[in-house]
N, C-alpha and C. Protein backbone atom coordinates (compact mmCIF):
# COMPACT_ATOMS: atom_id res chain seq x y z
N MET A 1 -6.90 -90.90 -91.69
CA MET A 1 -6.05 -89.54 -91.81
C MET A 1 -6.60 -88.45 -91.50
N GLU A 2 -6.14 -87.47 -90.97
CA GLU A 2 -6.62 -86.23 -90.43
C GLU A 2 -7.01 -85.37 -91.95
N ASN A 3 -7.85 -84.64 -91.75
CA ASN A 3 -8.17 -83.73 -92.85
C ASN A 3 -7.12 -82.37 -92.93
N ASN A 4 -6.24 -82.62 -94.20
CA ASN A 4 -5.07 -81.37 -94.35
C ASN A 4 -5.50 -80.24 -94.22
N SER A 5 -6.82 -79.67 -94.41
CA SER A 5 -7.36 -78.42 -94.35
C SER A 5 -7.41 -78.05 -93.08
N ASN A 6 -7.24 -78.84 -91.66
CA ASN A 6 -6.80 -78.62 -90.64
C ASN A 6 -5.62 -78.59 -90.08
N PHE A 7 -4.47 -78.41 -91.07
CA PHE A 7 -2.92 -78.74 -90.50
C PHE A 7 -2.63 -77.35 -90.37
N LYS A 8 -1.75 -76.96 -89.67
CA LYS A 8 -1.13 -75.55 -89.86
C LYS A 8 0.49 -75.84 -89.48
N LYS A 9 1.16 -74.84 -90.25
CA LYS A 9 2.64 -75.23 -89.82
C LYS A 9 3.03 -75.28 -88.54
N VAL A 10 3.58 -76.04 -88.36
CA VAL A 10 4.34 -76.39 -86.73
C VAL A 10 5.86 -76.06 -86.80
N ALA A 11 6.85 -76.16 -87.66
CA ALA A 11 8.02 -75.97 -87.45
C ALA A 11 8.52 -75.91 -89.00
N THR A 12 9.99 -75.16 -88.79
CA THR A 12 10.73 -75.00 -90.22
C THR A 12 11.82 -76.17 -89.80
N LEU A 13 11.95 -76.73 -91.19
CA LEU A 13 13.01 -77.83 -91.23
C LEU A 13 14.41 -77.32 -92.19
N GLU A 14 15.63 -77.66 -91.58
CA GLU A 14 16.62 -77.11 -91.81
C GLU A 14 17.32 -77.85 -93.02
N ASN A 15 16.92 -78.91 -93.41
CA ASN A 15 17.29 -79.74 -94.43
C ASN A 15 16.96 -80.93 -94.62
N GLU A 16 17.15 -81.48 -95.85
CA GLU A 16 16.40 -82.59 -96.50
C GLU A 16 16.50 -83.98 -95.66
N ILE A 17 17.64 -84.05 -95.07
CA ILE A 17 17.96 -85.17 -94.22
C ILE A 17 17.21 -84.97 -92.56
N GLU A 18 16.61 -84.01 -92.15
CA GLU A 18 16.18 -83.75 -91.11
C GLU A 18 14.66 -84.25 -91.33
N ALA A 19 14.23 -83.42 -92.61
CA ALA A 19 12.89 -83.76 -93.08
C ALA A 19 12.70 -85.15 -93.14
N GLY A 20 13.49 -85.66 -93.50
CA GLY A 20 13.33 -87.35 -93.79
C GLY A 20 13.21 -88.20 -92.58
N LEU A 21 14.31 -87.88 -91.66
CA LEU A 21 14.05 -88.54 -90.31
C LEU A 21 12.69 -88.09 -89.48
N LEU A 22 12.55 -87.01 -89.41
CA LEU A 22 11.29 -86.43 -88.82
C LEU A 22 10.17 -87.21 -89.71
N ASP A 23 10.12 -87.38 -90.89
CA ASP A 23 8.88 -87.90 -91.61
C ASP A 23 8.87 -89.37 -90.97
N SER A 24 10.11 -90.13 -91.17
CA SER A 24 9.93 -91.26 -90.53
C SER A 24 9.52 -91.69 -89.10
N ILE A 25 9.80 -90.75 -88.43
CA ILE A 25 9.56 -90.98 -86.95
C ILE A 25 8.13 -90.59 -86.88
N LEU A 26 7.53 -89.61 -87.54
CA LEU A 26 6.06 -89.35 -87.40
C LEU A 26 5.32 -90.42 -87.94
N ASN A 27 5.67 -91.29 -88.90
CA ASN A 27 5.12 -92.06 -89.71
C ASN A 27 5.10 -93.60 -88.62
N ASP A 28 6.31 -93.77 -88.16
CA ASP A 28 6.02 -94.74 -87.28
C ASP A 28 5.22 -94.70 -85.95
N ARG A 29 5.16 -93.44 -85.69
CA ARG A 29 4.17 -93.23 -84.63
C ARG A 29 2.63 -92.84 -84.63
N ASN A 30 2.51 -93.02 -86.43
CA ASN A 30 1.16 -92.62 -86.59
C ASN A 30 0.80 -91.13 -86.35
N ILE A 31 1.62 -90.31 -86.61
CA ILE A 31 1.34 -88.85 -86.31
C ILE A 31 0.92 -88.40 -87.24
N PRO A 32 -0.34 -87.59 -87.84
CA PRO A 32 -0.66 -87.22 -89.20
C PRO A 32 -0.08 -86.03 -89.31
N HIS A 33 0.71 -86.11 -90.70
CA HIS A 33 1.63 -84.81 -91.06
C HIS A 33 1.74 -84.61 -92.27
N ALA A 34 2.31 -83.29 -92.85
CA ALA A 34 2.94 -83.17 -94.24
C ALA A 34 4.03 -82.43 -94.21
N ILE A 35 4.97 -83.17 -94.67
CA ILE A 35 6.49 -82.30 -94.97
C ILE A 35 6.22 -81.50 -96.03
N CYS A 36 6.78 -80.44 -96.50
CA CYS A 36 6.51 -79.61 -97.24
C CYS A 36 8.01 -78.62 -97.77
N SER A 37 8.47 -78.87 -99.07
CA SER A 37 9.71 -78.09 -99.08
C SER A 37 9.51 -76.78 -99.84
N TYR A 38 10.80 -75.92 -99.61
CA TYR A 38 10.31 -74.66 -99.83
C TYR A 38 11.14 -74.42 -101.43
N ASN A 39 11.62 -75.96 -102.18
CA ASN A 39 12.41 -75.78 -103.18
C ASN A 39 11.12 -75.36 -104.42
N ASP A 40 12.26 -74.54 -105.20
CA ASP A 40 11.20 -73.78 -106.50
C ASP A 40 12.11 -74.06 -107.43
N LEU A 41 12.21 -74.81 -108.50
CA LEU A 41 12.95 -74.67 -109.86
C LEU A 41 12.98 -73.30 -110.44
N VAL A 42 12.11 -72.74 -110.39
CA VAL A 42 11.90 -71.20 -111.00
C VAL A 42 13.09 -70.53 -110.49
N TYR A 43 12.80 -70.36 -108.94
CA TYR A 43 13.68 -69.72 -108.32
C TYR A 43 15.17 -70.20 -107.84
N ASP A 44 15.73 -71.35 -108.55
CA ASP A 44 16.83 -71.92 -108.00
C ASP A 44 17.29 -72.16 -106.77
N GLY A 45 16.22 -72.36 -106.02
CA GLY A 45 16.58 -72.71 -104.29
C GLY A 45 16.53 -71.30 -103.27
N ILE A 46 16.10 -70.14 -103.78
CA ILE A 46 16.37 -69.08 -103.16
C ILE A 46 15.79 -68.84 -101.97
N TYR A 47 14.44 -69.37 -102.00
CA TYR A 47 13.61 -69.49 -100.97
C TYR A 47 14.07 -70.53 -99.65
N GLN A 48 14.82 -71.71 -100.28
CA GLN A 48 15.34 -72.56 -99.34
C GLN A 48 16.48 -71.96 -98.54
N MET A 49 17.25 -70.94 -99.14
CA MET A 49 18.60 -70.51 -98.55
C MET A 49 17.85 -69.29 -97.59
N VAL A 50 16.83 -68.63 -97.65
CA VAL A 50 15.96 -67.69 -96.60
C VAL A 50 15.24 -68.23 -96.06
N LYS A 51 14.29 -69.04 -96.20
CA LYS A 51 13.51 -69.76 -95.27
C LYS A 51 13.90 -71.05 -94.87
N GLY A 52 14.92 -71.87 -95.04
CA GLY A 52 15.18 -73.16 -94.49
C GLY A 52 14.64 -74.13 -95.55
N TRP A 53 14.91 -75.35 -95.37
CA TRP A 53 14.62 -76.45 -96.46
C TRP A 53 13.16 -76.31 -96.72
N GLY A 54 12.06 -76.43 -95.68
CA GLY A 54 10.90 -76.52 -95.61
C GLY A 54 10.18 -76.70 -94.20
N TYR A 55 9.03 -77.04 -94.16
CA TYR A 55 8.25 -77.25 -93.04
C TYR A 55 7.54 -78.50 -92.93
N VAL A 56 6.95 -78.72 -91.60
CA VAL A 56 6.30 -79.74 -91.35
C VAL A 56 4.78 -79.10 -90.60
N SER A 57 4.10 -79.73 -91.16
CA SER A 57 2.68 -79.25 -90.65
C SER A 57 1.59 -80.15 -89.83
N SER A 58 1.20 -80.09 -89.31
CA SER A 58 0.03 -81.10 -88.57
C SER A 58 -1.17 -80.29 -87.64
N THR A 59 -1.93 -81.02 -87.22
CA THR A 59 -2.93 -80.45 -86.48
C THR A 59 -2.33 -79.92 -84.92
N ASP A 60 -3.22 -79.07 -84.56
CA ASP A 60 -2.60 -78.59 -83.17
C ASP A 60 -2.55 -79.49 -82.14
N PHE A 61 -3.29 -80.82 -82.18
CA PHE A 61 -3.41 -81.65 -81.11
C PHE A 61 -2.05 -82.25 -81.36
N TYR A 62 -1.30 -82.36 -82.33
CA TYR A 62 0.02 -83.11 -82.17
C TYR A 62 1.25 -81.98 -82.46
N SER A 63 1.07 -80.69 -82.46
CA SER A 63 1.94 -79.72 -82.84
C SER A 63 3.17 -79.87 -81.77
N GLN A 64 2.61 -79.96 -80.42
CA GLN A 64 4.12 -79.72 -79.47
C GLN A 64 4.67 -81.35 -79.36
N GLU A 65 4.11 -82.31 -79.63
CA GLU A 65 4.61 -83.74 -79.42
C GLU A 65 5.57 -83.60 -81.12
N ILE A 66 5.15 -82.76 -82.19
CA ILE A 66 6.35 -82.84 -83.21
C ILE A 66 7.43 -81.98 -83.02
N VAL A 67 7.20 -80.91 -82.44
CA VAL A 67 8.15 -80.03 -81.92
C VAL A 67 9.15 -80.52 -80.65
N ASP A 68 8.79 -81.54 -79.87
CA ASP A 68 9.64 -82.38 -79.00
C ASP A 68 10.15 -83.29 -79.78
N ILE A 69 9.76 -83.70 -80.83
CA ILE A 69 10.83 -84.96 -81.52
C ILE A 69 11.71 -84.01 -82.50
N LEU A 70 11.23 -82.93 -83.34
CA LEU A 70 12.20 -82.23 -83.70
C LEU A 70 13.49 -81.81 -83.15
N ASN A 71 13.20 -81.11 -81.64
CA ASN A 71 14.13 -80.85 -80.89
C ASN A 71 15.00 -82.01 -80.46
N ASP A 72 14.36 -83.33 -80.32
CA ASP A 72 15.60 -84.51 -79.94
C ASP A 72 16.10 -84.45 -80.97
N ILE A 73 15.45 -84.49 -82.25
CA ILE A 73 16.52 -85.04 -83.44
C ILE A 73 17.83 -83.79 -83.52
N ARG A 74 17.36 -82.57 -83.39
CA ARG A 74 18.35 -81.36 -83.59
C ARG A 74 19.46 -81.75 -82.42
N LYS A 75 18.97 -81.86 -81.23
CA LYS A 75 19.74 -82.35 -79.95
C LYS A 75 20.79 -83.48 -80.41
N SER A 76 20.32 -84.54 -80.94
CA SER A 76 20.87 -85.72 -81.04
C SER A 76 22.24 -85.27 -82.15
N SER A 77 21.82 -84.63 -83.19
CA SER A 77 22.91 -84.43 -84.60
C SER A 77 23.86 -83.54 -83.60
N ASN A 78 23.56 -82.57 -82.64
CA ASN A 78 24.73 -81.50 -82.29
C ASN A 78 25.75 -82.15 -81.27
N ASP A 79 25.06 -83.63 -80.82
CA ASP A 79 25.82 -84.21 -79.96
C ASP A 79 27.01 -85.03 -80.42
N ASP A 80 26.70 -85.39 -81.89
CA ASP A 80 27.55 -86.12 -82.29
C ASP A 80 28.82 -85.41 -82.73
C-alpha cells in the first residue's frame, strides 16, 4: 500500500453512490486511493452542499486513471 502522505486530491465526488462505486472499482484494480467525505455532523452537511459529497485522493501516478474511471462512471449514469 502506498504511503498516504504522498496522496493528493484527484477529483470531487458528487454523492455516496458514486463514491462507493469508484471505491469498488479502484479496489478491484488494486489502485491505491482514499475516499474522504465532507460530511460534518457539527455543520449538518453544509460542506457537502457547497463542495460536493467528498473527494478521492491518490498518488500522481494513478491520478489520470482515476479521473478516466470516474468519467466513465458519470457517463454511464447519464446514459441511463
